Amino acid sequence: MAFFDFLTESIAIDLGTANTLIIHNDKVVVDSPSIVAIDKRTDKIIAVGKEASLMQGKTHENIKTVRPLKDGVIADFNASEQMISLLINSIPSLKKRFFTPALKMVICIPSGITEVEMRAVRESAERVNGKEVYLIHEPMAAAIGIGVDIMQPKGNMIVDIGGGTTEIAVIALSGIVCDKSVKVAGDVFTGDIIYYMRTQHNLFIGERTAEKIKITIGSASEELESPPDDMSVQGRDLLTGKPKEAMISYREIAKALDKSIIRIEDSVMETLSQTPPELAADIYNTGIYLAGGGSMLRGLDKRLSKKTDLPVFIAEDPLRAVVRGTGITLKNIERYKSVLVK
């Protein structure tokens, strides 16, 4: 068997709407935007990840940029398969191999995923030489990545705000007791910013600019202890059609994102209201854990804490909490057998 072990490689994948991360040999070897650029004439992929994201919103009629995942699930089967394949082949230590090794994979999926969507993920993995494919729910992977002992008879609440979905789950005894998956997350925040700029400043901006605004001055509350400086934003004036610049403050972005954040707050409250009383008592003591890129929004932890009257903790390196947990699961597959989705 030892010889055949040499022929298989183990990788953990966090297949996200915004970013795809891959762990191999306990290291994050791929951290790339989930986006591909396709030549329309030949249907061939010309760029993937960072290269493709630079082309976003700047292409001509023969090139289109596609995000193969929408709301955390595969929307474009062909593009996602090619993207996964290219990203796996870009892993440095696999490049040196003479032949393609068989892969043992753990992939994380949203908790609100359907059977059909799950099969799409599994089939994509099998087509890129995945011999053993295991799936794990995102909130579970996030909990393991944060360092929560999920085996204990103790309730923990995880809120994972990604690009496409926000996953809220209460976890105890290696299982999800109650969960909610809402399609309000990073992408919706970006859309809110584009809409706000159009309606309040008559300025038409693209997705990349909106994303930049969100990262630079994005905020969940209008009162911050250390507010970021105002930001100049360039786009197209909707009235004259000329390029134009506007100065934006974090307070405006907090206004723009308010409705979406209220939806996340309501979902957290709803999940708490469905939690069995014994676990609710545990959560009162342990608080709520935030993971995912969306949790880095300034002031979001304080706002959730105010709404729920519970302490809220942001995971360290929240962007990689899910993939870290997926990697730990891959390493101790026997221990976490009960957590994996068959």
C-alpha atoms as a PDB file:
ATOM      1  CA  MET A   1       0.000   0.000   0.000  1.00  0.00           C
ATOM      2  CA  ALA A   2       2.880   2.374   0.760  1.00  0.00           C
ATOM      3  CA  PHE A   3       3.726   2.523  -2.945  1.00  0.00           C
ATOM      4  CA  PHE A   4       0.167   3.465  -3.840  1.00  0.00           C
ATOM      5  CA  ASP A   5       0.194   6.150  -1.151  1.00  0.00           C
ATOM      6  CA  PHE A   6       2.990   7.732  -3.159  1.00  0.00           C
ATOM      7  CA  LEU A   7       0.619   7.883  -6.124  1.00  0.00           C
ATOM      8  CA  THR A   8      -2.053   9.809  -4.206  1.00  0.00           C
ATOM      9  CA  GLU A   9      -1.871  13.339  -2.915  1.00  0.00           C
ATOM     10  CA  SER A  10      -4.164  14.850  -0.287  1.00  0.00           C
ATOM     11  CA  ILE A  11      -5.593  18.325  -0.753  1.00  0.00           C
ATOM     12  CA  ALA A  12      -8.217  20.403   1.074  1.00  0.00           C
ATOM     13  CA  ILE A  13     -10.268  22.871  -0.956  1.00  0.00           C
ATOM     14  CA  ASP A  14     -12.385  25.814   0.143  1.00  0.00           C
ATOM     15  CA  LEU A  15     -14.407  26.408  -3.009  1.00  0.00           C
ATOM     16  CA  GLY A  16     -15.719  29.904  -2.360  1.00  0.00           C
ATOM     17  CA  THR A  17     -17.855  32.279  -4.400  1.00  0.00           C
ATOM     18  CA  ALA A  18     -15.191  34.995  -4.138  1.00  0.00           C
ATOM     19  CA  ASN A  19     -11.948  33.082  -3.446  1.00  0.00           C
ATOM     20  CA  THR A  20     -10.747  29.509  -3.812  1.00  0.00           C
ATOM     21  CA  LEU A  21      -8.120  28.282  -1.357  1.00  0.00           C
ATOM     22  CA  ILE A  22      -6.252  24.980  -1.477  1.00  0.00           C
ATOM     23  CA  ILE A  23      -4.167  23.389   1.287  1.00  0.00           C
ATOM     24  CA  HIS A  24      -1.497  20.800   0.449  1.00  0.00           C
ATOM     25  CA  ASN A  25       1.028  19.430   2.975  1.00  0.00           C
ATOM     26  CA  ASP A  26      -0.417  21.715   5.718  1.00  0.00           C
ATOM     27  CA  LYS A  27       0.298  24.857   3.689  1.00  0.00           C
ATOM     28  CA  VAL A  28      -2.074  27.156   1.795  1.00  0.00           C
ATOM     29  CA  VAL A  29      -0.637  26.711  -1.700  1.00  0.00           C
ATOM     30  CA  VAL A  30      -3.421  28.399  -3.688  1.00  0.00           C
ATOM     31  CA  ASP A  31      -5.288  31.540  -2.667  1.00  0.00           C
ATOM     32  CA  SER A  32      -6.911  32.928  -5.743  1.00  0.00           C
ATOM     33  CA  PRO A  33     -10.111  34.762  -6.766  1.00  0.00           C
ATOM     34  CA  SER A  34     -12.783  32.367  -8.108  1.00  0.00           C
ATOM     35  CA  ILE A  35     -12.934  33.879 -11.554  1.00  0.00           C
ATOM     36  CA  VAL A  36     -11.991  32.756 -15.067  1.00  0.00           C
ATOM     37  CA  ALA A  37     -11.555  34.642 -18.344  1.00  0.00           C
ATOM     38  CA  ILE A  38     -12.829  32.787 -21.401  1.00  0.00           C
ATOM     39  CA  ASP A  39     -12.176  33.394 -25.094  1.00  0.00           C
ATOM     40  CA  LYS A  40     -15.688  33.381 -26.588  1.00  0.00           C
ATOM     41  CA  ARG A  41     -14.503  32.257 -30.024  1.00  0.00           C
ATOM     42  CA  THR A  42     -12.771  29.077 -28.874  1.00  0.00           C
ATOM     43  CA  ASP A  43     -14.400  28.591 -25.416  1.00  0.00           C
ATOM     44  CA  LYS A  44     -10.891  28.178 -24.023  1.00  0.00           C
ATOM     45  CA  ILE A  45      -9.864  29.593 -20.668  1.00  0.00           C
ATOM     46  CA  ILE A  46      -7.197  32.256 -21.132  1.00  0.00           C
ATOM     47  CA  ALA A  47      -6.723  33.301 -17.506  1.00  0.00           C
ATOM     48  CA  VAL A  48      -7.755  32.159 -14.073  1.00  0.00           C
ATOM     49  CA  GLY A  49      -7.635  33.684 -10.584  1.00  0.00           C
ATOM     50  CA  LYS A  50      -5.709  36.932 -10.076  1.00  0.00           C
ATOM     51  CA  GLU A  51      -4.966  37.389 -13.797  1.00  0.00           C
ATOM     52  CA  ALA A  52      -8.642  37.001 -14.681  1.00  0.00           C
ATOM     53  CA  SER A  53      -9.747  39.324 -11.885  1.00  0.00           C
ATOM     54  CA  LEU A  54      -7.552  42.097 -13.333  1.00  0.00           C
ATOM     55  CA  MET A  55      -9.507  41.740 -16.591  1.00  0.00           C
ATOM     56  CA  GLN A  56     -12.898  42.012 -14.876  1.00  0.00           C
ATOM     57  CA  GLY A  57     -14.943  44.886 -16.308  1.00  0.00           C
ATOM     58  CA  LYS A  58     -12.225  45.689 -18.854  1.00  0.00           C
ATOM     59  CA  THR A  59     -12.824  43.045 -21.542  1.00  0.00           C
ATOM     60  CA  HIS A  60     -13.789  43.394 -25.212  1.00  0.00           C
ATOM     61  CA  GLU A  61     -16.450  41.369 -27.024  1.00  0.00           C
ATOM     62  CA  ASN A  62     -14.282  38.266 -27.574  1.00  0.00           C
ATOM     63  CA  ILE A  63     -13.398  37.788 -23.906  1.00  0.00           C
ATOM     64  CA  LYS A  64     -15.787  37.290 -21.034  1.00  0.00           C
ATOM     65  CA  THR A  65     -15.005  36.941 -17.337  1.00  0.00           C
ATOM     66  CA  VAL A  66     -17.078  34.370 -15.474  1.00  0.00           C
ATOM     67  CA  ARG A  67     -17.460  33.622 -11.795  1.00  0.00           C
ATOM     68  CA  PRO A  68     -18.294  29.900 -11.907  1.00  0.00           C
ATOM     69  CA  LEU A  69     -19.720  29.857  -8.363  1.00  0.00           C
ATOM     70  CA  LYS A  70     -22.796  31.751  -7.292  1.00  0.00           C
ATOM     71  CA  ASP A  71     -24.098  31.815  -3.709  1.00  0.00           C
ATOM     72  CA  GLY A  72     -21.497  29.236  -2.719  1.00  0.00           C
ATOM     73  CA  VAL A  73     -22.590  26.624  -5.277  1.00  0.00           C
ATOM     74  CA  ILE A  74     -21.510  25.753  -8.815  1.00  0.00           C
ATOM     75  CA  ALA A  75     -23.432  27.839 -11.341  1.00  0.00           C
ATOM     76  CA  ASP A  76     -21.283  27.154 -14.407  1.00  0.00           C
ATOM     77  CA  PHE A  77     -20.272  23.500 -14.374  1.00  0.00           C
ATOM     78  CA  ASN A  78     -17.790  23.619 -17.252  1.00  0.00           C
ATOM     79  CA  ALA A  79     -15.968  26.771 -16.106  1.00  0.00           C
ATOM     80  CA  SER A  80     -15.764  25.610 -12.482  1.00  0.00           C
ATOM     81  CA  GLU A  81     -14.306  22.264 -13.489  1.00  0.00           C
ATOM     82  CA  GLN A  82     -11.633  23.901 -15.635  1.00  0.00           C
ATOM     83  CA  MET A  83     -10.906  26.418 -12.883  1.00  0.00           C
ATOM     84  CA  ILE A  84     -10.470  23.695 -10.225  1.00  0.00           C
ATOM     85  CA  SER A  85      -8.284  21.708 -12.592  1.00  0.00           C
ATOM     86  CA  LEU A  86      -6.026  24.683 -13.441  1.00  0.00           C
ATOM     87  CA  LEU A  87      -5.705  25.701  -9.780  1.00  0.00           C
ATOM     88  CA  ILE A  88      -4.804  22.146  -8.712  1.00  0.00           C
ATOM     89  CA  ASN A  89      -2.247  21.927 -11.513  1.00  0.00           C
ATOM     90  CA  SER A  90      -0.691  25.191 -10.337  1.00  0.00           C
ATOM     91  CA  ILE A  91       0.280  23.648  -6.960  1.00  0.00           C
ATOM     92  CA  PRO A  92       4.108  23.843  -7.052  1.00  0.00           C
ATOM     93  CA  SER A  93       4.863  20.366  -5.651  1.00  0.00           C
ATOM     94  CA  LEU A  94       2.406  18.683  -8.055  1.00  0.00           C
ATOM     95  CA  LYS A  95       3.904  20.475 -11.060  1.00  0.00           C
ATOM     96  CA  LYS A  96       7.146  18.565 -10.577  1.00  0.00           C
ATOM     97  CA  ARG A  97       5.465  15.158 -10.880  1.00  0.00           C
ATOM     98  CA  PHE A  98       5.838  13.210 -14.150  1.00  0.00           C
ATOM     99  CA  PHE A  99       2.268  11.937 -13.966  1.00  0.00           C
ATOM    100  CA  THR A 100      -0.955  13.253 -12.465  1.00  0.00           C
ATOM    101  CA  PRO A 101      -1.410  11.746  -8.999  1.00  0.00           C
ATOM    102  CA  ALA A 102      -4.794  10.505  -7.801  1.00  0.00           C
ATOM    103  CA  LEU A 103      -6.244  12.974  -5.310  1.00  0.00           C
ATOM    104  CA  LYS A 104      -7.797  12.516  -1.912  1.00  0.00           C
ATOM    105  CA  MET A 105      -9.877  15.627  -1.339  1.00  0.00           C
ATOM    106  CA  VAL A 106     -11.922  17.302   1.350  1.00  0.00           C
ATOM    107  CA  ILE A 107     -14.087  20.094  -0.083  1.00  0.00           C
ATOM    108  CA  CYS A 108     -16.303  22.411   1.928  1.00  0.00           C
ATOM    109  CA  ILE A 109     -19.873  23.201   0.901  1.00  0.00           C
ATOM    110  CA  PRO A 110     -22.549  25.611   2.222  1.00  0.00           C
ATOM    111  CA  SER A 111     -24.900  24.148   4.836  1.00  0.00           C
ATOM    112  CA  GLY A 112     -28.019  25.015   2.812  1.00  0.00           C
ATOM    113  CA  ILE A 113     -26.862  23.098  -0.286  1.00  0.00           C
ATOM    114  CA  THR A 114     -29.241  20.743  -2.154  1.00  0.00           C
ATOM    115  CA  GLU A 115     -28.516  17.148  -3.229  1.00  0.00           C
ATOM    116  CA  VAL A 116     -28.159  18.218  -6.876  1.00  0.00           C
ATOM    117  CA  GLU A 117     -25.676  20.977  -6.016  1.00  0.00           C
ATOM    118  CA  MET A 118     -23.731  18.549  -3.846  1.00  0.00           C
ATOM    119  CA  ARG A 119     -23.506  16.085  -6.720  1.00  0.00           C
ATOM    120  CA  ALA A 120     -22.180  18.867  -8.989  1.00  0.00           C
ATOM    121  CA  VAL A 121     -19.325  19.548  -6.544  1.00  0.00           C
ATOM    122  CA  ARG A 122     -18.553  15.834  -6.214  1.00  0.00           C
ATOM    123  CA  GLU A 123     -18.602  15.234  -9.988  1.00  0.00           C
ATOM    124  CA  SER A 124     -16.344  18.240 -10.618  1.00  0.00           C
ATOM    125  CA  ALA A 125     -13.864  16.834  -8.094  1.00  0.00           C
ATOM    126  CA  GLU A 126     -13.979  13.343  -9.597  1.00  0.00           C
ATOM    127  CA  ARG A 127     -13.294  14.683 -13.073  1.00  0.00           C
ATOM    128  CA  VAL A 128     -10.078  16.348 -11.921  1.00  0.00           C
ATOM    129  CA  ASN A 129      -8.768  12.954 -10.762  1.00  0.00           C
ATOM    130  CA  GLY A 130     -10.358  12.922  -7.308  1.00  0.00           C
ATOM    131  CA  LYS A 131     -10.361   9.284  -6.191  1.00  0.00           C
ATOM    132  CA  GLU A 132     -11.582   9.852  -2.626  1.00  0.00           C
ATOM    133  CA  VAL A 133     -13.844  12.882  -2.281  1.00  0.00           C
ATOM    134  CA  TYR A 134     -15.196  14.000   1.082  1.00  0.00           C
ATOM    135  CA  LEU A 135     -17.456  16.984   1.672  1.00  0.00           C
ATOM    136  CA  ILE A 136     -17.735  19.053   4.837  1.00  0.00           C
ATOM    137  CA  HIS A 137     -20.212  21.820   5.713  1.00  0.00           C
ATOM    138  CA  GLU A 138     -18.687  25.308   5.835  1.00  0.00           C
ATOM    139  CA  PRO A 139     -19.735  26.282   9.385  1.00  0.00           C
ATOM    140  CA  MET A 140     -18.307  22.975  10.653  1.00  0.00           C
ATOM    141  CA  ALA A 141     -14.998  23.584   8.841  1.00  0.00           C
ATOM    142  CA  ALA A 142     -14.952  27.160  10.179  1.00  0.00           C
ATOM    143  CA  ALA A 143     -15.496  25.922  13.754  1.00  0.00           C
ATOM    144  CA  ILE A 144     -12.616  23.436  13.437  1.00  0.00           C
ATOM    145  CA  GLY A 145     -10.428  26.155  11.847  1.00  0.00           C
ATOM    146  CA  ILE A 146     -11.172  28.608  14.672  1.00  0.00           C
ATOM    147  CA  GLY A 147     -10.069  25.965  17.187  1.00  0.00           C
ATOM    148  CA  VAL A 148     -13.448  25.031  18.701  1.00  0.00           C
ATOM    149  CA  ASP A 149     -13.605  21.449  20.028  1.00  0.00           C
ATOM    150  CA  ILE A 150     -16.700  20.338  18.116  1.00  0.00           C
ATOM    151  CA  MET A 151     -16.774  16.873  19.732  1.00  0.00           C
ATOM    152  CA  GLN A 152     -17.770  18.284  23.142  1.00  0.00           C
ATOM    153  CA  PRO A 153     -21.396  18.268  24.360  1.00  0.00           C
ATOM    154  CA  LYS A 154     -21.252  22.051  24.337  1.00  0.00           C
ATOM    155  CA  GLY A 155     -22.993  24.552  22.085  1.00  0.00           C
ATOM    156  CA  ASN A 156     -20.996  26.920  19.879  1.00  0.00           C
ATOM    157  CA  MET A 157     -22.394  29.418  17.424  1.00  0.00           C
ATOM    158  CA  ILE A 158     -20.527  30.145  14.199  1.00  0.00           C
ATOM    159  CA  VAL A 159     -21.364  32.905  11.714  1.00  0.00           C
ATOM    160  CA  ASP A 160     -19.401  32.499   8.476  1.00  0.00           C
ATOM    161  CA  ILE A 161     -19.832  35.489   6.148  1.00  0.00           C
ATOM    162  CA  GLY A 162     -18.380  34.570   2.775  1.00  0.00           C
ATOM    163  CA  GLY A 163     -18.749  35.993  -0.723  1.00  0.00           C
ATOM    164  CA  GLY A 164     -22.047  34.409  -1.718  1.00  0.00           C
ATOM    165  CA  THR A 165     -23.682  33.214   1.500  1.00  0.00           C
ATOM    166  CA  THR A 166     -23.695  33.809   5.224  1.00  0.00           C
ATOM    167  CA  GLU A 167     -23.753  30.500   7.075  1.00  0.00           C
ATOM    168  CA  ILE A 168     -25.041  30.560  10.637  1.00  0.00           C
ATOM    169  CA  ALA A 169     -24.886  27.352  12.668  1.00  0.00           C
ATOM    170  CA  VAL A 170     -25.068  26.088  16.220  1.00  0.00           C
ATOM    171  CA  ILE A 171     -22.698  23.142  16.619  1.00  0.00           C
ATOM    172  CA  ALA A 172     -22.518  20.491  19.360  1.00  0.00           C
ATOM    173  CA  LEU A 173     -21.373  16.856  19.544  1.00  0.00           C
ATOM    174  CA  SER A 174     -19.836  16.931  16.011  1.00  0.00           C
ATOM    175  CA  GLY A 175     -23.128  17.929  14.439  1.00  0.00           C
ATOM    176  CA  ILE A 176     -25.066  20.978  13.316  1.00  0.00           C
ATOM    177  CA  VAL A 177     -28.054  21.382  15.659  1.00  0.00           C
ATOM    178  CA  CYS A 178     -29.690  24.295  13.863  1.00  0.00           C
ATOM    179  CA  ASP A 179     -28.487  26.331  10.938  1.00  0.00           C
ATOM    180  CA  LYS A 180     -29.491  28.991   8.482  1.00  0.00           C
ATOM    181  CA  SER A 181     -27.941  29.905   5.167  1.00  0.00           C
ATOM    182  CA  VAL A 182     -28.728  33.384   3.811  1.00  0.00           C
ATOM    183  CA  LYS A 183     -27.750  34.679   0.411  1.00  0.00           C
ATOM    184  CA  VAL A 184     -26.571  37.989   1.862  1.00  0.00           C
ATOM    185  CA  ALA A 185     -22.781  38.285   2.024  1.00  0.00           C
ATOM    186  CA  GLY A 186     -19.797  40.012   0.402  1.00  0.00           C
ATOM    187  CA  ASP A 187     -21.271  40.087  -3.130  1.00  0.00           C
ATOM    188  CA  VAL A 188     -24.503  41.680  -1.907  1.00  0.00           C
ATOM    189  CA  PHE A 189     -22.467  44.288   0.011  1.00  0.00           C
ATOM    190  CA  THR A 190     -20.623  45.086  -3.228  1.00  0.00           C
ATOM    191  CA  GLY A 191     -23.937  45.424  -5.080  1.00  0.00           C
ATOM    192  CA  ASP A 192     -25.271  47.739  -2.347  1.00  0.00           C
ATOM    193  CA  ILE A 193     -22.256  50.027  -2.777  1.00  0.00           C
ATOM    194  CA  ILE A 194     -22.727  50.170  -6.593  1.00  0.00           C
ATOM    195  CA  TYR A 195     -26.424  51.034  -6.113  1.00  0.00           C
ATOM    196  CA  TYR A 196     -25.663  53.698  -3.492  1.00  0.00           C
ATOM    197  CA  MET A 197     -23.077  55.393  -5.739  1.00  0.00           C
ATOM    198  CA  ARG A 198     -25.558  55.468  -8.617  1.00  0.00           C
ATOM    199  CA  THR A 199     -28.459  56.868  -6.629  1.00  0.00           C
ATOM    200  CA  GLN A 200     -26.624  59.286  -4.304  1.00  0.00           C
ATOM    201  CA  HIS A 201     -23.696  60.466  -6.419  1.00  0.00           C
ATOM    202  CA  ASN A 202     -24.891  59.779 -10.004  1.00  0.00           C
ATOM    203  CA  LEU A 203     -21.647  57.840 -10.358  1.00  0.00           C
ATOM    204  CA  PHE A 204     -21.549  54.530 -12.212  1.00  0.00           C
ATOM    205  CA  ILE A 205     -18.784  52.274 -10.854  1.00  0.00           C
ATOM    206  CA  GLY A 206     -17.795  48.685 -11.589  1.00  0.00           C
ATOM    207  CA  GLU A 207     -17.583  45.655  -9.323  1.00  0.00           C
ATOM    208  CA  ARG A 208     -13.838  45.927  -8.777  1.00  0.00           C
ATOM    209  CA  THR A 209     -14.099  49.563  -7.641  1.00  0.00           C
ATOM    210  CA  ALA A 210     -17.002  48.717  -5.306  1.00  0.00           C
ATOM    211  CA  GLU A 211     -14.976  45.843  -3.848  1.00  0.00           C
ATOM    212  CA  LYS A 212     -12.068  48.236  -3.266  1.00  0.00           C
ATOM    213  CA  ILE A 213     -14.381  50.726  -1.494  1.00  0.00           C
ATOM    214  CA  LYS A 214     -15.731  47.918   0.703  1.00  0.00           C
ATOM    215  CA  ILE A 215     -12.237  46.827   1.776  1.00  0.00           C
ATOM    216  CA  THR A 216     -10.801  50.340   2.184  1.00  0.00           C
ATOM    217  CA  ILE A 217     -13.601  52.166   4.011  1.00  0.00           C
ATOM    218  CA  GLY A 218     -16.386  49.572   4.416  1.00  0.00           C
ATOM    219  CA  SER A 219     -18.167  49.795   7.771  1.00  0.00           C
ATOM    220  CA  ALA A 220     -21.185  48.256   9.493  1.00  0.00           C
ATOM    221  CA  SER A 221     -21.754  51.172  11.805  1.00  0.00           C
ATOM    222  CA  GLU A 222     -21.679  54.956  11.525  1.00  0.00           C
ATOM    223  CA  GLU A 223     -19.813  55.323  14.813  1.00  0.00           C
ATOM    224  CA  LEU A 224     -16.293  53.864  14.714  1.00  0.00           C
ATOM    225  CA  GLU A 225     -13.547  54.339  17.287  1.00  0.00           C
ATOM    226  CA  SER A 226     -10.811  54.662  14.687  1.00  0.00           C
ATOM    227  CA  PRO A 227     -12.521  55.633  11.415  1.00  0.00           C
ATOM    228  CA  PRO A 228     -10.721  55.275   8.056  1.00  0.00           C
ATOM    229  CA  ASP A 229      -9.981  58.375   5.947  1.00  0.00           C
ATOM    230  CA  ASP A 230     -12.343  59.434   3.183  1.00  0.00           C
ATOM    231  CA  MET A 231     -11.687  57.828  -0.185  1.00  0.00           C
ATOM    232  CA  SER A 232     -11.761  59.278  -3.687  1.00  0.00           C
ATOM    233  CA  VAL A 233     -13.742  57.143  -6.128  1.00  0.00           C
ATOM    234  CA  GLN A 234     -13.617  57.438  -9.910  1.00  0.00           C
ATOM    235  CA  GLY A 235     -16.302  56.289 -12.312  1.00  0.00           C
ATOM    236  CA  ARG A 236     -18.629  57.515 -15.054  1.00  0.00           C
ATOM    237  CA  ASP A 237     -21.024  60.385 -14.469  1.00  0.00           C
ATOM    238  CA  LEU A 238     -24.535  59.148 -15.283  1.00  0.00           C
ATOM    239  CA  LEU A 239     -25.750  62.620 -16.308  1.00  0.00           C
ATOM    240  CA  THR A 240     -22.936  63.812 -18.579  1.00  0.00           C
ATOM    241  CA  GLY A 241     -21.256  60.493 -19.451  1.00  0.00           C
ATOM    242  CA  LYS A 242     -17.845  61.960 -18.539  1.00  0.00           C
ATOM    243  CA  PRO A 243     -15.391  60.287 -16.142  1.00  0.00           C
ATOM    244  CA  LYS A 244     -15.862  61.822 -12.680  1.00  0.00           C
ATOM    245  CA  GLU A 245     -14.501  61.621  -9.139  1.00  0.00           C
ATOM    246  CA  ALA A 246     -16.336  61.740  -5.795  1.00  0.00           C
ATOM    247  CA  MET A 247     -15.175  61.695  -2.173  1.00  0.00           C
ATOM    248  CA  ILE A 248     -16.815  59.023  -0.026  1.00  0.00           C
ATOM    249  CA  SER A 249     -16.770  58.585   3.751  1.00  0.00           C
ATOM    250  CA  TYR A 250     -17.184  55.370   5.756  1.00  0.00           C
ATOM    251  CA  ARG A 251     -20.503  56.708   7.141  1.00  0.00           C
ATOM    252  CA  GLU A 252     -22.004  56.670   3.660  1.00  0.00           C
ATOM    253  CA  ILE A 253     -20.928  53.060   3.158  1.00  0.00           C
ATOM    254  CA  ALA A 254     -22.442  52.148   6.544  1.00  0.00           C
ATOM    255  CA  LYS A 255     -25.749  53.633   5.296  1.00  0.00           C
ATOM    256  CA  ALA A 256     -25.460  51.746   1.997  1.00  0.00           C
ATOM    257  CA  LEU A 257     -24.898  48.387   3.739  1.00  0.00           C
ATOM    258  CA  ASP A 258     -27.435  48.889   6.519  1.00  0.00           C
ATOM    259  CA  LYS A 259     -30.339  46.902   5.013  1.00  0.00           C
ATOM    260  CA  SER A 260     -28.175  43.886   4.188  1.00  0.00           C
ATOM    261  CA  ILE A 261     -26.600  43.832   7.657  1.00  0.00           C
ATOM    262  CA  ILE A 262     -30.071  43.981   9.230  1.00  0.00           C
ATOM    263  CA  ARG A 263     -30.912  40.805   7.269  1.00  0.00           C
ATOM    264  CA  ILE A 264     -27.831  39.064   8.678  1.00  0.00           C
ATOM    265  CA  GLU A 265     -28.723  40.243  12.202  1.00  0.00           C
ATOM    266  CA  ASP A 266     -32.286  38.929  11.796  1.00  0.00           C
ATOM    267  CA  SER A 267     -30.983  35.547  10.623  1.00  0.00           C
ATOM    268  CA  VAL A 268     -28.667  35.312  13.641  1.00  0.00           C
ATOM    269  CA  MET A 269     -31.601  36.140  15.946  1.00  0.00           C
ATOM    270  CA  GLU A 270     -33.777  33.557  14.184  1.00  0.00           C
ATOM    271  CA  THR A 271     -31.129  30.854  14.613  1.00  0.00           C
ATOM    272  CA  LEU A 272     -30.757  31.772  18.295  1.00  0.00           C
ATOM    273  CA  SER A 273     -34.533  31.506  18.753  1.00  0.00           C
ATOM    274  CA  GLN A 274     -34.465  27.921  17.380  1.00  0.00           C
ATOM    275  CA  THR A 275     -31.573  26.843  19.620  1.00  0.00           C
ATOM    276  CA  PRO A 276     -32.444  24.273  22.348  1.00  0.00           C
ATOM    277  CA  PRO A 277     -32.295  25.925  25.815  1.00  0.00           C
ATOM    278  CA  GLU A 278     -29.290  23.932  27.112  1.00  0.00           C
ATOM    279  CA  LEU A 279     -27.225  24.978  24.083  1.00  0.00           C
ATOM    280  CA  ALA A 280     -28.475  28.568  24.373  1.00  0.00           C
ATOM    281  CA  ALA A 281     -27.041  28.572  27.913  1.00  0.00           C
ATOM    282  CA  ASP A 282     -23.663  27.449  26.499  1.00  0.00           C
ATOM    283  CA  ILE A 283     -23.731  30.148  23.803  1.00  0.00           C
ATOM    284  CA  TYR A 284     -24.460  32.748  26.491  1.00  0.00           C
ATOM    285  CA  ASN A 285     -21.125  31.791  28.060  1.00  0.00           C
ATOM    286  CA  THR A 286     -19.037  31.203  24.911  1.00  0.00           C
ATOM    287  CA  GLY A 287     -20.451  33.940  22.660  1.00  0.00           C
ATOM    288  CA  ILE A 288     -20.572  33.984  18.865  1.00  0.00           C
ATOM    289  CA  TYR A 289     -17.613  33.299  16.557  1.00  0.00           C
ATOM    290  CA  LEU A 290     -17.284  35.173  13.258  1.00  0.00           C
ATOM    291  CA  ALA A 291     -15.371  33.807  10.272  1.00  0.00           C
ATOM    292  CA  GLY A 292     -15.134  34.521   6.532  1.00  0.00           C
ATOM    293  CA  GLY A 293     -14.021  37.656   4.699  1.00  0.00           C
ATOM    294  CA  GLY A 294     -17.262  39.512   5.459  1.00  0.00           C
ATOM    295  CA  SER A 295     -16.542  39.399   9.187  1.00  0.00           C
ATOM    296  CA  MET A 296     -13.663  41.854   8.588  1.00  0.00           C
ATOM    297  CA  LEU A 297     -16.179  44.643   7.928  1.00  0.00           C
ATOM    298  CA  ARG A 298     -15.373  47.374  10.466  1.00  0.00           C
ATOM    299  CA  GLY A 299     -17.736  47.506  13.430  1.00  0.00           C
ATOM    300  CA  LEU A 300     -19.709  44.388  12.466  1.00  0.00           C
ATOM    301  CA  ASP A 301     -18.694  42.471  15.611  1.00  0.00           C
ATOM    302  CA  LYS A 302     -19.799  45.373  17.867  1.00  0.00           C
ATOM    303  CA  ARG A 303     -23.077  45.707  15.988  1.00  0.00           C
ATOM    304  CA  LEU A 304     -23.898  41.986  16.301  1.00  0.00           C
ATOM    305  CA  SER A 305     -22.877  42.060  19.944  1.00  0.00           C
ATOM    306  CA  LYS A 306     -25.271  44.963  20.583  1.00  0.00           C
ATOM    307  CA  LYS A 307     -28.105  43.172  18.790  1.00  0.00           C
ATOM    308  CA  THR A 308     -27.684  39.805  20.535  1.00  0.00           C
ATOM    309  CA  ASP A 309     -26.290  40.971  23.923  1.00  0.00           C
ATOM    310  CA  LEU A 310     -23.593  38.316  23.512  1.00  0.00           C
ATOM    311  CA  PRO A 311     -19.810  38.605  23.199  1.00  0.00           C
ATOM    312  CA  VAL A 312     -18.731  38.339  19.537  1.00  0.00           C
ATOM    313  CA  PHE A 313     -15.233  37.146  18.559  1.00  0.00           C
ATOM    314  CA  ILE A 314     -13.618  37.407  15.131  1.00  0.00           C
ATOM    315  CA  ALA A 315     -11.438  34.422  14.200  1.00  0.00           C
ATOM    316  CA  GLU A 316      -7.765  35.164  13.578  1.00  0.00           C
ATOM    317  CA  ASP A 317      -7.206  35.338   9.827  1.00  0.00           C
ATOM    318  CA  PRO A 318     -10.975  34.945   9.214  1.00  0.00           C
ATOM    319  CA  LEU A 319     -10.485  34.597   5.443  1.00  0.00           C
ATOM    320  CA  ARG A 320      -8.670  31.298   5.957  1.00  0.00           C
ATOM    321  CA  ALA A 321     -10.619  29.877   8.911  1.00  0.00           C
ATOM    322  CA  VAL A 322     -12.710  27.605   6.685  1.00  0.00           C
ATOM    323  CA  VAL A 323      -9.797  26.245   4.650  1.00  0.00           C
ATOM    324  CA  ARG A 324      -7.750  25.765   7.859  1.00  0.00           C
ATOM    325  CA  GLY A 325     -10.573  23.657   9.281  1.00  0.00           C
ATOM    326  CA  THR A 326     -10.840  21.711   6.023  1.00  0.00           C
ATOM    327  CA  GLY A 327      -7.088  21.051   6.176  1.00  0.00           C
ATOM    328  CA  ILE A 328      -7.263  19.832   9.797  1.00  0.00           C
ATOM    329  CA  THR A 329     -10.131  17.504   8.818  1.00  0.00           C
ATOM    330  CA  LEU A 330      -8.083  16.128   5.912  1.00  0.00           C
ATOM    331  CA  LYS A 331      -5.171  15.410   8.245  1.00  0.00           C
ATOM    332  CA  ASN A 332      -7.320  13.637  10.871  1.00  0.00           C
ATOM    333  CA  ILE A 333      -9.886  12.062   8.577  1.00  0.00           C
ATOM    334  CA  GLU A 334     -10.605   9.114  10.903  1.00  0.00           C
ATOM    335  CA  ARG A 335     -11.276  11.426  13.858  1.00  0.00           C
ATOM    336  CA  TYR A 336     -13.661  13.636  11.897  1.00  0.00           C
ATOM    337  CA  LYS A 337     -15.377  10.820   9.933  1.00  0.00           C
ATOM    338  CA  SER A 338     -18.717  11.672  11.582  1.00  0.00           C
ATOM    339  CA  VAL A 339     -18.522  15.302  10.409  1.00  0.00           C
ATOM    340  CA  LEU A 340     -18.003  14.517   6.725  1.00  0.00           C
ATOM    341  CA  VAL A 341     -20.972  14.375   4.355  1.00  0.00           C
ATOM    342  CA  LYS A 342     -21.311  11.049   2.614  1.00  0.00           C
END
